[in-house]
Protein backbone atom coordinates (compact mmCIF):
# COMPACT_ATOMS: atom_id res chain seq x y z
CA MET A 1 15.69 -3.16 -19.66
CA PRO A 2 17.05 -5.93 -17.37
CA THR A 3 15.11 -6.80 -14.24
CA SER A 4 16.77 -5.57 -11.04
CA LYS A 5 17.38 -7.78 -8.01
CA PRO A 6 14.75 -5.93 -5.91
CA GLU A 7 12.15 -6.55 -8.63
CA LEU A 8 13.10 -10.23 -8.76
CA ALA A 9 12.45 -10.47 -5.01
CA LEU A 10 8.82 -9.47 -5.67
CA ARG A 11 8.27 -12.41 -8.03
CA THR A 12 8.11 -15.05 -5.29
CA PRO A 13 4.79 -16.92 -4.90
CA GLN A 14 4.44 -15.65 -1.32
CA PHE A 15 4.72 -11.98 -2.25
CA ARG A 16 2.39 -12.35 -5.21
CA THR A 17 -0.18 -14.10 -3.03
CA LEU A 18 0.10 -11.47 -0.31
CA THR A 19 -0.26 -8.72 -2.90
CA ALA A 20 -3.51 -10.31 -4.09
CA GLY A 21 -4.72 -10.46 -0.50
CA TRP A 22 -3.89 -6.83 0.15
CA ALA A 23 -5.50 -5.79 -3.13
CA SER A 24 -8.72 -7.50 -2.04
CA THR A 25 -8.43 -5.75 1.34
CA ASN A 26 -7.86 -2.41 -0.35
CA PHE A 27 -10.98 -2.89 -2.44
CA ALA A 28 -13.04 -3.76 0.64
CA ASP A 29 -11.55 -0.81 2.56
CA SER A 30 -12.35 1.72 -0.15
CA VAL A 31 -15.66 0.62 -1.62
CA LEU A 32 -17.78 2.04 1.23
CA VAL A 33 -15.73 5.02 2.47
CA LEU A 34 -17.60 7.77 0.59
CA ILE A 35 -20.89 5.90 0.33
CA LEU A 36 -21.34 5.67 4.12
CA ALA A 37 -21.46 9.47 4.38
CA VAL A 38 -23.85 9.77 1.44
CA TRP A 39 -26.05 7.05 2.92
CA VAL A 40 -26.27 8.76 6.32
CA THR A 41 -27.11 12.05 4.62
CA ASP A 42 -29.91 10.41 2.62
CA LEU A 43 -31.31 8.56 5.65
CA SER A 44 -31.24 11.54 8.01
CA GLY A 45 -31.71 14.42 5.60
CA SER A 46 -28.81 16.13 7.37
CA ALA A 47 -25.53 17.03 5.65
CA ALA A 48 -23.98 17.60 9.09
CA LEU A 49 -24.75 14.03 10.16
CA GLY A 50 -23.35 12.79 6.87
CA GLY A 51 -20.16 14.78 7.44
CA ALA A 52 -19.85 13.31 10.92
CA THR A 53 -19.33 9.93 9.26
CA PHE A 54 -15.87 11.11 8.17
CA ALA A 55 -15.08 11.89 11.80
CA ALA A 56 -16.12 8.32 12.69
CA LEU A 57 -13.62 7.04 10.13
CA GLY A 58 -10.86 8.77 12.09
CA VAL A 59 -11.78 7.41 15.54
CA PRO A 60 -9.65 4.22 15.24
CA ALA A 61 -6.53 6.41 15.09
CA LEU A 62 -6.84 6.61 18.88
CA ALA A 63 -6.30 2.85 19.09
CA ALA A 64 -3.52 2.66 16.48
CA PRO A 65 -0.59 2.58 18.98
CA PHE A 66 -2.16 -0.34 20.85
CA LEU A 67 -2.98 -2.21 17.64
CA GLY A 68 0.67 -1.79 16.68
CA ARG A 69 1.82 -3.18 20.03
CA LEU A 70 -0.47 -6.19 19.60
CA ALA A 71 0.92 -6.78 16.09
CA ASP A 72 4.43 -7.00 17.57
CA ARG A 73 3.36 -9.63 20.10
CA VAL A 74 1.46 -12.10 17.93
CA SER A 75 1.56 -13.71 14.51
CA ARG A 76 0.74 -10.86 12.16
CA ARG A 77 -0.59 -13.23 9.54
CA ARG A 78 -3.13 -14.72 11.97
CA MET A 79 -4.00 -11.26 13.26
CA LEU A 80 -4.90 -10.23 9.72
CA VAL A 81 -6.97 -13.38 9.14
CA TRP A 82 -9.12 -12.74 12.21
CA THR A 83 -9.35 -9.02 11.48
CA TYR A 84 -10.64 -9.63 7.96
CA VAL A 85 -13.13 -12.21 9.19
CA GLY A 86 -14.31 -9.67 11.77
CA GLY A 87 -14.42 -6.94 9.13
CA ALA A 88 -16.74 -9.04 6.99
CA LEU A 89 -19.03 -9.85 9.93
CA VAL A 90 -19.37 -6.29 11.27
CA LEU A 91 -20.65 -5.11 7.88
CA LEU A 92 -23.60 -7.49 7.83
CA PRO A 93 -25.85 -5.30 10.07
CA LEU A 94 -25.76 -2.64 7.34
CA LEU A 95 -27.98 -4.89 5.22
CA GLY A 96 -30.81 -4.20 7.69
CA VAL A 97 -30.43 -0.40 7.67
CA SER A 98 -33.33 1.34 5.94
CA ARG A 99 -34.59 4.22 8.13
CA ALA A 100 -33.29 7.33 9.90
CA GLU A 101 -33.53 5.49 13.22
CA HIS A 102 -30.78 3.16 12.00
CA VAL A 103 -28.16 5.88 11.50
CA TRP A 104 -26.46 4.94 14.77
CA VAL A 105 -25.83 1.46 13.33
CA VAL A 106 -24.01 3.02 10.39
CA TYR A 107 -21.83 5.06 12.77
CA VAL A 108 -20.87 2.02 14.87
CA VAL A 109 -20.11 -0.06 11.80
CA THR A 110 -18.11 2.83 10.31
CA VAL A 111 -15.77 2.93 13.32
CA LEU A 112 -15.24 -0.85 13.20
CA TYR A 113 -14.87 -0.82 9.42
CA ALA A 114 -12.20 1.88 9.60
CA THR A 115 -10.32 -0.08 12.26
CA VAL A 116 -9.49 -2.77 9.70
CA ALA A 117 -7.25 -0.34 7.79
CA TYR A 118 -5.31 0.48 10.96
CA VAL A 119 -4.77 -3.21 11.71
CA THR A 120 -3.55 -3.73 8.15
CA ALA A 121 -1.12 -0.82 8.55
CA ALA A 122 0.15 -2.28 11.84
CA CYS A 123 0.76 -5.74 10.36
CA GLN A 124 1.73 -5.11 6.74
CA SER A 125 5.05 -3.41 7.44
CA GLY A 126 6.33 -6.25 9.64
CA ILE A 127 5.26 -8.93 7.17
CA LEU A 128 7.11 -7.16 4.36
CA LYS A 129 10.18 -6.77 6.58
CA ASP A 130 10.16 -10.51 7.34
CA LEU A 131 9.53 -11.52 3.73
CA LEU A 132 11.79 -9.24 1.66
CA PRO A 133 15.38 -7.99 1.73
CA ASP A 134 15.69 -4.31 2.64
CA GLU A 135 16.65 -3.30 -0.90
CA ALA A 136 13.32 -4.66 -2.21
CA LEU A 137 11.10 -2.82 0.29
CA GLY A 138 10.91 0.34 -1.81
CA HIS A 139 9.70 -1.58 -4.85
CA ALA A 140 7.15 -3.45 -2.73
CA ASN A 141 5.82 -0.24 -1.17
CA GLY A 142 5.63 1.37 -4.61
CA ARG A 143 3.65 -1.56 -6.00
CA LEU A 144 1.21 -1.58 -3.07
CA THR A 145 0.82 2.19 -3.35
CA ALA A 146 0.02 1.83 -7.05
CA ILE A 147 -2.73 -0.65 -6.17
CA ASP A 148 -4.05 1.79 -3.57
CA GLN A 149 -4.17 4.57 -6.16
CA VAL A 150 -6.09 2.39 -8.62
CA PHE A 151 -8.86 1.92 -6.08
CA ARG A 152 -8.69 5.57 -5.09
CA ILE A 153 -9.38 6.49 -8.70
CA ALA A 154 -12.03 3.88 -9.46
CA MET A 155 -14.03 3.42 -6.27
CA PRO A 156 -15.60 6.89 -5.88
CA VAL A 157 -16.97 6.75 -9.42
CA LEU A 158 -18.01 3.08 -9.36
CA GLY A 159 -19.42 3.26 -5.82
CA ALA A 160 -21.47 6.37 -6.57
CA ALA A 161 -22.86 4.81 -9.75
CA VAL A 162 -23.91 1.58 -8.01
CA TYR A 163 -25.40 3.49 -5.07
CA ALA A 164 -27.45 5.76 -7.36
CA TRP A 165 -28.63 2.80 -9.43
CA VAL A 166 -29.52 0.10 -6.90
CA GLY A 167 -28.62 1.43 -3.45
CA PRO A 168 -25.93 0.47 -0.92
CA ALA A 169 -26.65 -3.26 -0.46
CA PRO A 170 -24.49 -4.52 -3.39
CA LEU A 171 -21.59 -2.41 -2.15
CA VAL A 172 -21.91 -3.84 1.36
CA VAL A 173 -21.95 -7.36 -0.06
CA ALA A 174 -18.91 -6.57 -2.22
CA ALA A 175 -16.97 -5.34 0.83
CA VAL A 176 -17.94 -8.46 2.79
CA VAL A 177 -16.71 -10.66 -0.07
CA GLY A 178 -13.50 -8.62 -0.32
CA PHE A 179 -12.68 -9.08 3.36
CA GLY A 180 -13.63 -12.76 3.16
CA ALA A 181 -11.30 -13.28 0.21
CA SER A 182 -8.47 -11.55 2.07
CA ALA A 183 -9.01 -13.75 5.11
CA ALA A 184 -8.84 -16.85 2.91
CA VAL A 185 -5.61 -15.68 1.27
CA PHE A 186 -3.83 -15.00 4.55
CA ALA A 187 -5.10 -18.23 6.06
CA ALA A 188 -3.66 -20.20 3.15
CA VAL A 189 -0.30 -18.48 2.60
CA ARG A 190 2.71 -19.69 4.56
CA ILE A 191 5.46 -17.25 5.50
CA THR A 192 8.25 -17.36 8.06
CA GLU A 193 7.64 -14.64 10.62
CA SER A 194 10.11 -13.19 13.09
CA ALA A 195 9.63 -14.29 16.71
CA PRO A 196 6.92 -12.30 18.55
CA ASP A 197 8.03 -9.72 21.08
CA ASP A 198 7.84 -11.22 24.57
CA GLU A 199 8.66 -8.05 26.53
CA VAL A 200 6.69 -7.44 29.70
CA PRO A 201 3.97 -4.86 28.93
CA ALA A 202 4.91 -1.36 30.03
CA GLY A 203 2.60 1.24 31.53
CA PHE A 204 -0.22 2.88 29.60
CA TRP A 205 1.77 5.96 28.54
CA ASP A 206 4.84 3.97 27.51
CA GLU A 207 2.67 1.61 25.45
CA ALA A 208 0.90 4.51 23.73
CA THR A 209 4.04 6.47 22.86
CA GLU A 210 6.67 3.79 22.17
CA GLY A 211 6.31 3.90 18.39
CA PHE A 212 6.30 7.71 18.35
CA ARG A 213 9.42 7.87 20.52
CA TYR A 214 11.26 5.57 18.13
CA LEU A 215 10.17 7.61 15.10
CA PHE A 216 11.30 10.93 16.52
CA SER A 217 14.54 9.71 18.12
CA THR A 218 16.03 7.54 15.35
CA PRO A 219 18.11 9.27 12.65
CA PRO A 220 17.13 10.15 10.01
CA LEU A 221 13.53 9.21 10.86
CA GLY A 222 13.23 12.01 13.43
CA GLY A 223 13.82 14.75 10.89
CA MET A 224 11.78 12.99 8.22
CA THR A 225 8.84 12.49 10.59
CA THR A 226 8.84 16.14 11.62
CA ALA A 227 9.01 17.25 7.99
CA ILE A 228 6.24 15.00 6.72
CA LEU A 229 4.01 15.77 9.71
CA TRP A 230 4.07 19.48 8.82
CA ALA A 231 3.70 18.75 5.11
CA MET A 232 0.67 16.47 5.59
CA ALA A 233 -0.87 19.10 7.86
CA ALA A 234 -0.39 21.62 5.06
CA VAL A 235 -2.15 19.28 2.63
CA GLY A 236 -5.05 19.18 5.09
CA LEU A 237 -5.25 22.95 4.84
CA VAL A 238 -5.54 22.68 1.06
CA ASN A 239 -8.36 20.16 1.45
CA ALA A 240 -10.21 22.71 3.56
CA VAL A 241 -10.10 25.33 0.80
CA ALA A 242 -10.66 22.97 -2.15
CA PHE A 243 -14.09 24.33 -3.03
CA ALA A 244 -12.90 27.94 -2.67
CA ILE A 245 -10.09 27.16 -5.13
CA LEU A 246 -12.57 25.69 -7.63
CA GLU A 247 -14.85 28.71 -7.29
CA HIS A 248 -11.91 31.08 -7.88
CA LEU A 249 -11.00 29.12 -11.01
CA GLY A 250 -14.58 29.31 -12.24
CA LEU A 251 -15.10 25.55 -12.00
CA ALA A 252 -18.15 23.71 -10.68
CA ALA A 253 -17.81 21.93 -7.33
CA ALA A 254 -18.77 18.67 -9.06
CA LEU A 255 -15.41 18.73 -10.88
CA LEU A 256 -13.56 18.03 -7.63
CA GLY A 257 -13.99 14.29 -8.25
CA PRO A 258 -12.40 14.22 -11.73
CA ILE A 259 -9.58 16.51 -10.62
CA THR A 260 -8.91 14.29 -7.62
CA ALA A 261 -8.88 11.31 -9.97
CA LEU A 262 -6.14 13.05 -11.98
CA GLN A 263 -4.15 13.39 -8.79
CA GLY A 264 -4.67 9.67 -8.23
CA VAL A 265 -3.39 8.86 -11.74
CA ALA A 266 -0.22 10.83 -10.99
CA GLY A 267 0.09 8.94 -7.69
CA LEU A 268 -0.27 5.68 -9.58
CA ALA A 269 2.58 6.70 -11.88
CA ALA A 270 4.71 7.54 -8.86
CA GLY A 271 4.01 4.16 -7.28
CA LEU A 272 5.22 2.41 -10.42
CA VAL A 273 8.56 4.24 -10.65
CA VAL A 274 9.46 5.33 -7.11
CA GLY A 275 11.28 2.08 -6.34
CA ARG A 276 13.74 2.73 -9.17
CA LEU A 277 14.04 6.39 -8.18
CA MET A 278 15.02 5.41 -4.64
CA LEU A 279 17.63 2.97 -5.92
CA ARG A 280 19.16 5.64 -8.14
CA PHE A 281 18.94 8.74 -5.94
CA GLY A 282 18.44 7.37 -2.42
CA ARG A 283 15.41 7.38 -0.16
CA LEU A 284 16.24 10.67 1.55
CA ARG A 285 16.70 12.54 -1.72
CA VAL A 286 13.41 11.22 -3.14
CA PHE A 287 11.66 12.12 0.11
CA SER A 288 13.07 15.65 0.22
CA LEU A 289 12.44 16.43 -3.44
CA GLY A 290 8.95 14.97 -3.07
CA LEU A 291 8.14 17.56 -0.40
CA VAL A 292 9.65 20.33 -2.52
CA GLY A 293 7.59 19.13 -5.49
CA LEU A 294 4.49 19.13 -3.30
CA GLY A 295 5.09 22.79 -2.47
CA LEU A 296 5.70 23.73 -6.10
CA GLY A 297 2.58 21.86 -7.20
CA LEU A 298 0.51 23.92 -4.79
CA VAL A 299 1.62 27.27 -6.29
CA PRO A 300 -0.82 27.31 -9.26
CA LEU A 301 -3.76 26.72 -6.91
CA ALA A 302 -3.43 30.33 -5.76
CA GLY A 303 -3.80 31.61 -9.31
CA SER A 304 -6.68 32.06 -11.74
CA TRP A 305 -5.58 29.83 -14.61
CA ILE A 306 -7.21 26.43 -14.96
CA VAL A 307 -4.54 24.54 -16.93
CA PRO A 308 -1.65 25.30 -14.53
CA ALA A 309 -3.88 24.47 -11.57
CA VAL A 310 -4.85 21.10 -13.05
CA LEU A 311 -1.22 20.32 -13.88
CA GLY A 312 -0.32 21.34 -10.34
CA MET A 313 -2.71 18.72 -9.00
CA GLY A 314 -0.83 16.12 -11.02
CA VAL A 315 2.48 17.32 -9.58
CA ILE A 316 0.98 17.13 -6.10
CA GLY A 317 -0.15 13.54 -6.66
CA PHE A 318 3.25 12.39 -7.95
CA ALA A 319 5.32 14.30 -5.40
CA ALA A 320 3.26 13.44 -2.32
CA THR A 321 3.13 9.75 -3.22
CA SER A 322 6.89 9.64 -3.81
CA ALA A 323 7.60 11.33 -0.48
CA VAL A 324 5.28 9.03 1.46
CA VAL A 325 6.67 5.83 -0.12
CA ALA A 326 10.25 6.97 0.55
CA TYR A 327 9.36 7.78 4.17
CA VAL A 328 7.61 4.45 4.75
CA THR A 329 10.50 2.55 3.20
CA GLU A 330 13.10 4.38 5.31
CA ARG A 331 11.02 3.64 8.38
CA GLN A 332 10.87 -0.07 7.56
CA VAL A 333 14.61 -0.32 6.92
CA ARG A 334 15.54 1.51 10.15
CA THR A 335 13.09 -0.36 12.40
CA PRO A 336 13.71 -3.83 13.92
CA ALA A 337 11.33 -6.56 12.74
CA ARG A 338 9.40 -6.78 15.98
CA MET A 339 8.95 -3.05 16.40
CA GLN A 340 7.38 -2.67 12.95
CA GLY A 341 3.84 -2.77 14.35
CA ARG A 342 4.33 0.00 16.90
CA VAL A 343 6.37 2.24 14.65
CA GLY A 344 4.18 1.56 11.61
CA ALA A 345 1.03 2.42 13.54
CA ALA A 346 2.63 5.61 14.87
CA SER A 347 3.64 6.70 11.37
CA HIS A 348 0.11 5.96 10.11
CA VAL A 349 -1.17 8.45 12.69
CA VAL A 350 1.50 11.00 11.69
CA LEU A 351 0.51 10.72 8.03
CA ASN A 352 -3.24 10.99 8.59
CA LEU A 353 -4.31 12.70 11.82
CA PRO A 354 -2.62 16.13 11.38
CA GLY A 355 -4.29 16.57 8.01
CA VAL A 356 -7.72 15.80 9.46
CA LEU A 357 -7.27 18.28 12.32
CA VAL A 358 -5.90 21.04 10.09
CA THR A 359 -8.74 20.52 7.60
CA LEU A 360 -11.19 21.39 10.37
CA ALA A 361 -9.13 24.43 11.41
CA GLY A 362 -8.74 25.54 7.79
CA ALA A 363 -12.48 25.39 7.19
CA ALA A 364 -12.95 27.78 10.12
CA ALA A 365 -10.10 30.06 8.99
CA LEU A 366 -11.60 30.35 5.52
CA ALA A 367 -14.37 32.47 6.97
CA VAL A 368 -11.91 35.29 7.74
CA VAL A 369 -8.84 34.61 5.54
CA ASP A 370 -8.62 34.58 1.74
CA HIS A 371 -7.96 31.08 0.41
CA ARG A 372 -4.91 32.32 -1.52
CA VAL A 373 -3.24 33.27 1.75
CA LEU A 374 -3.84 29.76 3.08
CA VAL A 375 -2.43 28.23 -0.11
CA ALA A 376 0.65 30.47 0.21
CA VAL A 377 1.15 29.22 3.78
CA ASN A 378 0.95 25.65 2.51
CA VAL A 379 3.53 26.34 -0.19
CA ALA A 380 5.93 27.89 2.32
CA VAL A 381 5.55 25.02 4.80
CA CYS A 382 6.17 22.30 2.18
CA LEU A 383 9.17 24.07 0.65
CA VAL A 384 10.77 24.70 4.05
CA CYS A 385 10.20 21.07 5.08
CA GLY A 386 11.60 19.74 1.81
CA LEU A 387 14.68 21.96 1.85
CA ALA A 388 15.32 21.17 5.50
CA ALA A 389 15.05 17.44 4.75
CA LEU A 390 17.76 17.79 2.07
CA ARG A 391 20.20 18.41 4.92
CA LEU A 392 19.41 15.13 6.69
CA ARG A 393 22.02 12.40 6.68
CA ALA A 394 21.40 8.72 7.37
CA PRO A 395 23.62 6.05 8.94
CA ALA A 396 24.75 3.55 6.34
CA THR A 397 22.86 0.25 5.99
CA ALA A 398 23.08 -2.67 3.61
CA ALA A 399 20.13 -1.27 1.67
CA ASP A 400 21.55 2.23 1.18
């Protein structure tokens, strides 16, 4: 099969170097995520305190709009260098944590550690926009998503094994090295960036909402953003009833990890092919059918048969990944170079925060509502969002 022009655009030394840097960042970002909660639980003897670690991971979402604004005003490459240096340094105090009295240190470090991912999200989109033609953005996002899925599959298993064997210190050191390597890559690579935004800073509210206003007011991003916000919230509801689903299927709770890994494998497959799918069918069609596929994949989770439910998880992984990559690519194409930080940060919040909030609400609802009812609600929401998105139409661009 001949290589397409978008794929050729990814073979430049700059993109390959940046991909290596982001892969190292992704490793550093993921290696401690689950282990921090387990560590706090072991130190404190409290599952509640361990669970609170996941809440700490979400705190930087509050700063995302301002991180995006900063990314539009400075050199994004330099911003990433300093962020990764800082990410390596803030992890070092974890090497001195050994008692329950040190749990507060883990919480503080967790918030700072999670902030690195939000800075990466704010800067990555603009760098890709400056580096690649619009028609290559889908392939680039698919490749980076595939890398993300590899670490999503491997890190929980590898991290848990290392933690159980020798404790958290090697994982902390590995994350420090990962961030250090990323900083070195971005310090060395040379790319031509668009001129920083020199607008006079607006008021607090305008600064905080600028990216969101652009997302919701720009066609077809407004309709896509509304659709994916509701769909990601629905996925959060499924997360809340995950253990109830396993119990209904007669599966042990410990199997959640392997089943989630299967979902990650399907997401990896989607990342490898979604660029070609968008070229053939268009970003909007891939996005819409991805949401429909997400709804259909959820259907077997309300049943009692294991094989369909497991296959449904695979469909969910492929469909959700395809929809997210198509949405991110459409956002990049429709957004000016020096608004990428604000709009990218806003979309990162849209993709993540609703699911977190609905997960909490779903956990409470499970006490009074059968999990199958909640799954049925999720199915309906995703199907309605996907079918509604099929009616969206986009202004023509060179990349369409």
